[in-house]
């Protein structure tokens, strides 16, 4: 799932993305993280190379930008 959370006093909303397959948590992204990148959460994804994680991180950053923009439109 993906969500954007508006917070009082914060210039930018927080963006969270979490992925599950059959109740197994396999990926996570938190825009408030120390180093916001897509994070591996399942051992079976260790086989994926750095290119995949770079792509996933870029894809997630794009979604962050889009959903923050939509939230700002709603907030006026």
PDB file of N, CA and C in Angstrom:
ATOM      1  N   UNK A   1       0.841  -1.176   0.000  1.00  0.00           N
ATOM      2  CA  UNK A   1       0.000   0.000   0.000  1.00  0.00           C
ATOM      3  C   UNK A   1       0.880   1.231   0.000  1.00  0.00           C
ATOM      4  N   UNK A   2       0.313   2.320  -0.426  1.00  0.00           N
ATOM      5  CA  UNK A   2       0.976   3.624  -0.433  1.00  0.00           C
ATOM      6  C   UNK A   2       0.081   4.611   0.286  1.00  0.00           C
ATOM      7  N   UNK A   3       0.705   5.486   1.073  1.00  0.00           N
ATOM      8  CA  UNK A   3      -0.078   6.523   1.740  1.00  0.00           C
ATOM      9  C   UNK A   3       0.772   7.765   1.952  1.00  0.00           C
ATOM     10  N   UNK A   4       0.116   8.891   1.959  1.00  0.00           N
ATOM     11  CA  UNK A   4       0.744  10.178   2.264  1.00  0.00           C
ATOM     12  C   UNK A   4       0.032  10.732   3.481  1.00  0.00           C
ATOM     13  N   UNK A   5       0.815  11.190   4.451  1.00  0.00           N
ATOM     14  CA  UNK A   5       0.251  11.649   5.709  1.00  0.00           C
ATOM     15  C   UNK A   5       0.617  13.114   5.920  1.00  0.00           C
ATOM     16  N   UNK A   6      -0.397  13.944   6.063  1.00  0.00           N
ATOM     17  CA  UNK A   6      -0.195  15.358   6.359  1.00  0.00           C
ATOM     18  C   UNK A   6       0.026  15.516   7.857  1.00  0.00           C
ATOM     19  N   UNK A   7       0.996  16.371   8.206  1.00  0.00           N
ATOM     20  CA  UNK A   7       1.297  16.583   9.623  1.00  0.00           C
ATOM     21  C   UNK A   7       1.338  18.068   9.933  1.00  0.00           C
ATOM     22  N   UNK A   8       0.773  18.464  11.048  1.00  0.00           N
ATOM     23  CA  UNK A   8       0.824  19.875  11.430  1.00  0.00           C
ATOM     24  C   UNK A   8       2.273  20.331  11.614  1.00  0.00           C
ATOM     25  N   UNK A   9       2.578  21.508  11.109  1.00  0.00           N
ATOM     26  CA  UNK A   9       3.903  22.066  11.312  1.00  0.00           C
ATOM     27  C   UNK A   9       4.990  21.503  10.415  1.00  0.00           C
ATOM     28  N   UNK A  10       4.649  20.577   9.547  1.00  0.00           N
ATOM     29  CA  UNK A  10       5.636  19.991   8.653  1.00  0.00           C
ATOM     30  C   UNK A  10       5.389  20.484   7.230  1.00  0.00           C
ATOM     31  N   UNK A  11       6.448  20.901   6.577  1.00  0.00           N
ATOM     32  CA  UNK A  11       6.301  21.418   5.217  1.00  0.00           C
ATOM     33  C   UNK A  11       5.902  20.321   4.230  1.00  0.00           C
ATOM     34  N   UNK A  12       6.476  19.147   4.375  1.00  0.00           N
ATOM     35  CA  UNK A  12       6.172  18.070   3.436  1.00  0.00           C
ATOM     36  C   UNK A  12       5.464  16.920   4.135  1.00  0.00           C
ATOM     37  N   UNK A  13       4.441  16.374   3.489  1.00  0.00           N
ATOM     38  CA  UNK A  13       3.773  15.198   4.038  1.00  0.00           C
ATOM     39  C   UNK A  13       4.702  13.986   4.021  1.00  0.00           C
ATOM     40  N   UNK A  14       4.481  13.093   4.947  1.00  0.00           N
ATOM     41  CA  UNK A  14       5.243  11.840   5.009  1.00  0.00           C
ATOM     42  C   UNK A  14       4.645  10.845   4.030  1.00  0.00           C
ATOM     43  N   UNK A  15       5.518  10.131   3.317  1.00  0.00           N
ATOM     44  CA  UNK A  15       5.090   9.118   2.356  1.00  0.00           C
ATOM     45  C   UNK A  15       5.583   7.759   2.837  1.00  0.00           C
ATOM     46  N   UNK A  16       4.670   6.796   2.885  1.00  0.00           N
ATOM     47  CA  UNK A  16       5.016   5.421   3.262  1.00  0.00           C
ATOM     48  C   UNK A  16       4.546   4.473   2.178  1.00  0.00           C
ATOM     49  N   UNK A  17       5.381   3.483   1.893  1.00  0.00           N
ATOM     50  CA  UNK A  17       5.002   2.433   0.950  1.00  0.00           C
ATOM     51  C   UNK A  17       5.448   1.105   1.559  1.00  0.00           C
ATOM     52  N   UNK A  18       4.528   0.166   1.616  1.00  0.00           N
ATOM     53  CA  UNK A  18       4.801  -1.143   2.192  1.00  0.00           C
ATOM     54  C   UNK A  18       4.243  -2.199   1.262  1.00  0.00           C
ATOM     55  N   UNK A  19       5.022  -3.250   1.023  1.00  0.00           N
ATOM     56  CA  UNK A  19       4.567  -4.329   0.154  1.00  0.00           C
ATOM     57  C   UNK A  19       4.480  -5.649   0.900  1.00  0.00           C
ATOM     58  N   UNK A  20       3.397  -6.378   0.652  1.00  0.00           N
ATOM     59  CA  UNK A  20       3.182  -7.702   1.238  1.00  0.00           C
ATOM     60  C   UNK A  20       2.802  -8.685   0.141  1.00  0.00           C
ATOM     61  N   UNK A  21       3.230  -9.934   0.309  1.00  0.00           N
ATOM     62  CA  UNK A  21       2.778 -11.050  -0.511  1.00  0.00           C
ATOM     63  C   UNK A  21       2.445 -12.180   0.462  1.00  0.00           C
ATOM     64  N   UNK A  22       1.205 -12.647   0.429  1.00  0.00           N
ATOM     65  CA  UNK A  22       0.785 -13.741   1.328  1.00  0.00           C
ATOM     66  C   UNK A  22       1.205 -13.489   2.772  1.00  0.00           C
ATOM     67  N   UNK A  23       0.901 -12.322   3.281  1.00  0.00           N
ATOM     68  CA  UNK A  23       1.215 -11.921   4.657  1.00  0.00           C
ATOM     69  C   UNK A  23       2.701 -11.761   4.941  1.00  0.00           C
ATOM     70  N   UNK A  24       3.550 -11.810   3.918  1.00  0.00           N
ATOM     71  CA  UNK A  24       4.982 -11.616   4.102  1.00  0.00           C
ATOM     72  C   UNK A  24       5.360 -10.200   3.681  1.00  0.00           C
ATOM     73  N   UNK A  25       5.903  -9.452   4.610  1.00  0.00           N
ATOM     74  CA  UNK A  25       6.354  -8.085   4.363  1.00  0.00           C
ATOM     75  C   UNK A  25       7.649  -8.172   3.551  1.00  0.00           C
ATOM     76  N   UNK A  26       7.654  -7.627   2.305  1.00  0.00           N
ATOM     77  CA  UNK A  26       8.845  -7.792   1.477  1.00  0.00           C
ATOM     78  C   UNK A  26       9.547  -6.502   1.083  1.00  0.00           C
ATOM     79  N   UNK A  27       8.866  -5.357   1.166  1.00  0.00           N
ATOM     80  CA  UNK A  27       9.528  -4.098   0.819  1.00  0.00           C
ATOM     81  C   UNK A  27       8.918  -2.950   1.616  1.00  0.00           C
ATOM     82  N   UNK A  28       9.761  -1.916   1.866  1.00  0.00           N
ATOM     83  CA  UNK A  28       9.296  -0.764   2.643  1.00  0.00           C
ATOM     84  C   UNK A  28      10.035   0.472   2.168  1.00  0.00           C
ATOM     85  N   UNK A  29       9.330   1.606   2.182  1.00  0.00           N
ATOM     86  CA  UNK A  29       9.930   2.912   1.912  1.00  0.00           C
ATOM     87  C   UNK A  29       9.291   3.910   2.857  1.00  0.00           C
ATOM     88  N   UNK A  30      10.112   4.746   3.489  1.00  0.00           N
ATOM     89  CA  UNK A  30       9.626   5.785   4.391  1.00  0.00           C
ATOM     90  C   UNK A  30      10.376   7.071   4.062  1.00  0.00           C
ATOM     91  N   UNK A  31       9.647   8.079   3.612  1.00  0.00           N
ATOM     92  CA  UNK A  31      10.293   9.333   3.230  1.00  0.00           C
ATOM     93  C   UNK A  31      10.969  10.015   4.412  1.00  0.00           C
ATOM     94  N   UNK A  32      10.621   9.647   5.626  1.00  0.00           N
ATOM     95  CA  UNK A  32      11.246  10.220   6.815  1.00  0.00           C
ATOM     96  C   UNK A  32      12.487   9.448   7.264  1.00  0.00           C
ATOM     97  N   UNK A  33      12.829   8.407   6.534  1.00  0.00           N
ATOM     98  CA  UNK A  33      13.983   7.595   6.906  1.00  0.00           C
ATOM     99  C   UNK A  33      15.280   8.383   6.803  1.00  0.00           C
ATOM    100  N   UNK A  34      16.306   7.922   7.498  1.00  0.00           N
ATOM    101  CA  UNK A  34      17.606   8.585   7.474  1.00  0.00           C
ATOM    102  C   UNK A  34      18.163   8.630   6.055  1.00  0.00           C
ATOM    103  N   UNK A  35      17.941   7.567   5.310  1.00  0.00           N
ATOM    104  CA  UNK A  35      18.352   7.490   3.902  1.00  0.00           C
ATOM    105  C   UNK A  35      17.189   6.907   3.123  1.00  0.00           C
ATOM    106  N   UNK A  36      16.264   7.749   2.662  1.00  0.00           N
ATOM    107  CA  UNK A  36      15.043   7.232   2.027  1.00  0.00           C
ATOM    108  C   UNK A  36      15.315   6.417   0.762  1.00  0.00           C
ATOM    109  N   UNK A  37      15.276   5.110   0.930  1.00  0.00           N
ATOM    110  CA  UNK A  37      15.438   4.162  -0.176  1.00  0.00           C
ATOM    111  C   UNK A  37      14.466   3.020   0.045  1.00  0.00           C
ATOM    112  N   UNK A  38      14.153   2.327  -1.041  1.00  0.00           N
ATOM    113  CA  UNK A  38      13.353   1.113  -0.917  1.00  0.00           C
ATOM    114  C   UNK A  38      14.189   0.105  -0.137  1.00  0.00           C
ATOM    115  N   UNK A  39      13.593  -0.495   0.887  1.00  0.00           N
ATOM    116  CA  UNK A  39      14.325  -1.405   1.770  1.00  0.00           C
ATOM    117  C   UNK A  39      13.807  -2.831   1.639  1.00  0.00           C
ATOM    118  N   UNK A  40      14.724  -3.743   1.486  1.00  0.00           N
ATOM    119  CA  UNK A  40      14.449  -5.171   1.435  1.00  0.00           C
ATOM    120  C   UNK A  40      13.941  -5.648   2.790  1.00  0.00           C
ATOM    121  N   UNK A  41      12.865  -6.433   2.806  1.00  0.00           N
ATOM    122  CA  UNK A  41      12.314  -6.971   4.049  1.00  0.00           C
ATOM    123  C   UNK A  41      12.128  -8.481   3.995  1.00  0.00           C
ATOM    124  N   UNK A  42      12.503  -9.115   2.890  1.00  0.00           N
ATOM    125  CA  UNK A  42      12.333 -10.564   2.763  1.00  0.00           C
ATOM    126  C   UNK A  42      13.612 -11.170   2.188  1.00  0.00           C
ATOM    127  N   UNK A  43      14.087 -12.260   2.777  1.00  0.00           N
ATOM    128  CA  UNK A  43      15.332 -12.870   2.321  1.00  0.00           C
ATOM    129  C   UNK A  43      15.308 -13.286   0.849  1.00  0.00           C
ATOM    130  N   UNK A  44      14.146 -13.664   0.329  1.00  0.00           N
ATOM    131  CA  UNK A  44      14.083 -14.124  -1.056  1.00  0.00           C
ATOM    132  C   UNK A  44      14.337 -13.007  -2.060  1.00  0.00           C
ATOM    133  N   UNK A  45      14.347 -11.759  -1.616  1.00  0.00           N
ATOM    134  CA  UNK A  45      14.654 -10.633  -2.510  1.00  0.00           C
ATOM    135  C   UNK A  45      16.143 -10.303  -2.560  1.00  0.00           C
ATOM    136  N   UNK A  46      16.938 -10.983  -1.749  1.00  0.00           N
ATOM    137  CA  UNK A  46      18.371 -10.736  -1.737  1.00  0.00           C
ATOM    138  C   UNK A  46      19.013 -11.051  -3.094  1.00  0.00           C
ATOM    139  N   UNK A  47      18.354 -11.877  -3.890  1.00  0.00           N
ATOM    140  CA  UNK A  47      18.892 -12.230  -5.203  1.00  0.00           C
ATOM    141  C   UNK A  47      18.826 -11.072  -6.196  1.00  0.00           C
ATOM    142  N   UNK A  48      17.997 -10.082  -5.906  1.00  0.00           N
ATOM    143  CA  UNK A  48      17.881  -8.929  -6.798  1.00  0.00           C
ATOM    144  C   UNK A  48      19.137  -8.064  -6.688  1.00  0.00           C
ATOM    145  N   UNK A  49      19.634  -7.618  -7.806  1.00  0.00           N
ATOM    146  CA  UNK A  49      20.839  -6.800  -7.831  1.00  0.00           C
ATOM    147  C   UNK A  49      20.561  -5.346  -7.507  1.00  0.00           C
ATOM    148  N   UNK A  50      21.620  -4.549  -7.415  1.00  0.00           N
ATOM    149  CA  UNK A  50      21.464  -3.134  -7.081  1.00  0.00           C
ATOM    150  C   UNK A  50      20.650  -2.363  -8.121  1.00  0.00           C
ATOM    151  N   UNK A  51      20.654  -2.815  -9.356  1.00  0.00           N
ATOM    152  CA  UNK A  51      19.874  -2.131 -10.392  1.00  0.00           C
ATOM    153  C   UNK A  51      18.385  -2.150 -10.048  1.00  0.00           C
ATOM    154  N   UNK A  52      17.911  -3.298  -9.553  1.00  0.00           N
ATOM    155  CA  UNK A  52      16.503  -3.407  -9.168  1.00  0.00           C
ATOM    156  C   UNK A  52      16.187  -2.428  -8.052  1.00  0.00           C
ATOM    157  N   UNK A  53      17.029  -2.356  -7.024  1.00  0.00           N
ATOM    158  CA  UNK A  53      16.761  -1.496  -5.879  1.00  0.00           C
ATOM    159  C   UNK A  53      16.881  -0.023  -6.241  1.00  0.00           C
ATOM    160  N   UNK A  54      17.799   0.297  -7.161  1.00  0.00           N
ATOM    161  CA  UNK A  54      17.876   1.673  -7.655  1.00  0.00           C
ATOM    162  C   UNK A  54      16.592   2.030  -8.408  1.00  0.00           C
ATOM    163  N   UNK A  55      16.120   1.107  -9.250  1.00  0.00           N
ATOM    164  CA  UNK A  55      14.868   1.335  -9.987  1.00  0.00           C
ATOM    165  C   UNK A  55      13.699   1.475  -9.029  1.00  0.00           C
ATOM    166  N   UNK A  56      13.605   0.582  -8.058  1.00  0.00           N
ATOM    167  CA  UNK A  56      12.493   0.617  -7.098  1.00  0.00           C
ATOM    168  C   UNK A  56      12.524   1.923  -6.301  1.00  0.00           C
ATOM    169  N   UNK A  57      13.696   2.353  -5.902  1.00  0.00           N
ATOM    170  CA  UNK A  57      13.817   3.611  -5.160  1.00  0.00           C
ATOM    171  C   UNK A  57      13.373   4.785  -6.028  1.00  0.00           C
ATOM    172  N   UNK A  58      13.806   4.836  -7.281  1.00  0.00           N
ATOM    173  CA  UNK A  58      13.408   5.929  -8.171  1.00  0.00           C
ATOM    174  C   UNK A  58      11.906   5.916  -8.406  1.00  0.00           C
ATOM    175  N   UNK A  59      11.350   4.731  -8.618  1.00  0.00           N
ATOM    176  CA  UNK A  59       9.907   4.587  -8.813  1.00  0.00           C
ATOM    177  C   UNK A  59       9.152   5.097  -7.582  1.00  0.00           C
ATOM    178  N   UNK A  60       9.635   4.761  -6.421  1.00  0.00           N
ATOM    179  CA  UNK A  60       8.985   5.177  -5.175  1.00  0.00           C
ATOM    180  C   UNK A  60       9.109   6.681  -4.975  1.00  0.00           C
ATOM    181  N   UNK A  61      10.242   7.250  -5.314  1.00  0.00           N
ATOM    182  CA  UNK A  61      10.398   8.708  -5.202  1.00  0.00           C
ATOM    183  C   UNK A  61       9.448   9.430  -6.152  1.00  0.00           C
ATOM    184  N   UNK A  62       9.231   8.858  -7.330  1.00  0.00           N
ATOM    185  CA  UNK A  62       8.268   9.440  -8.278  1.00  0.00           C
ATOM    186  C   UNK A  62       6.868   9.406  -7.683  1.00  0.00           C
ATOM    187  N   UNK A  63       6.487   8.276  -7.101  1.00  0.00           N
ATOM    188  CA  UNK A  63       5.169   8.165  -6.453  1.00  0.00           C
ATOM    189  C   UNK A  63       5.054   9.148  -5.293  1.00  0.00           C
ATOM    190  N   UNK A  64       6.134   9.329  -4.547  1.00  0.00           N
ATOM    191  CA  UNK A  64       6.140  10.292  -3.441  1.00  0.00           C
ATOM    192  C   UNK A  64       5.795  11.690  -3.956  1.00  0.00           C
ATOM    193  N   UNK A  65       6.461  12.092  -5.003  1.00  0.00           N
ATOM    194  CA  UNK A  65       6.238  13.415  -5.588  1.00  0.00           C
ATOM    195  C   UNK A  65       4.790  13.574  -6.073  1.00  0.00           C
ATOM    196  N   UNK A  66       4.279  12.570  -6.775  1.00  0.00           N
ATOM    197  CA  UNK A  66       2.917  12.630  -7.314  1.00  0.00           C
ATOM    198  C   UNK A  66       1.881  12.699  -6.198  1.00  0.00           C
ATOM    199  N   UNK A  67       1.990  11.811  -5.213  1.00  0.00           N
ATOM    200  CA  UNK A  67       0.983  11.775  -4.150  1.00  0.00           C
ATOM    201  C   UNK A  67       1.054  12.994  -3.234  1.00  0.00           C
ATOM    202  N   UNK A  68       2.250  13.515  -3.006  1.00  0.00           N
ATOM    203  CA  UNK A  68       2.349  14.760  -2.234  1.00  0.00           C
ATOM    204  C   UNK A  68       1.665  15.895  -2.990  1.00  0.00           C
ATOM    205  N   UNK A  69       1.857  15.945  -4.299  1.00  0.00           N
ATOM    206  CA  UNK A  69       1.201  16.968  -5.117  1.00  0.00           C
ATOM    207  C   UNK A  69      -0.305  16.866  -5.050  1.00  0.00           C
ATOM    208  N   UNK A  70      -0.813  15.638  -5.120  1.00  0.00           N
ATOM    209  CA  UNK A  70      -2.267  15.452  -5.041  1.00  0.00           C
ATOM    210  C   UNK A  70      -2.814  15.856  -3.678  1.00  0.00           C
ATOM    211  N   UNK A  71      -2.080  15.535  -2.627  1.00  0.00           N
ATOM    212  CA  UNK A  71      -2.523  15.937  -1.291  1.00  0.00           C
ATOM    213  C   UNK A  71      -2.543  17.460  -1.179  1.00  0.00           C
ATOM    214  N   UNK A  72      -1.530  18.107  -1.715  1.00  0.00           N
ATOM    215  CA  UNK A  72      -1.505  19.574  -1.672  1.00  0.00           C
ATOM    216  C   UNK A  72      -2.659  20.178  -2.464  1.00  0.00           C
ATOM    217  N   UNK A  73      -3.057  19.548  -3.569  1.00  0.00           N
ATOM    218  CA  UNK A  73      -4.222  20.017  -4.330  1.00  0.00           C
ATOM    219  C   UNK A  73      -5.488  19.925  -3.489  1.00  0.00           C
ATOM    220  N   UNK A  74      -5.644  18.838  -2.770  1.00  0.00           N
ATOM    221  CA  UNK A  74      -6.828  18.638  -1.931  1.00  0.00           C
ATOM    222  C   UNK A  74      -6.841  19.650  -0.785  1.00  0.00           C
ATOM    223  N   UNK A  75      -5.675  19.890  -0.221  1.00  0.00           N
ATOM    224  CA  UNK A  75      -5.582  20.831   0.900  1.00  0.00           C
ATOM    225  C   UNK A  75      -5.777  22.271   0.453  1.00  0.00           C
ATOM    226  N   UNK A  76      -5.595  22.525  -0.855  1.00  0.00           N
ATOM    227  CA  UNK A  76      -5.806  23.873  -1.395  1.00  0.00           C
ATOM    228  C   UNK A  76      -4.629  24.698  -1.187  1.00  0.00           C
TER     229      UNK A  76
END
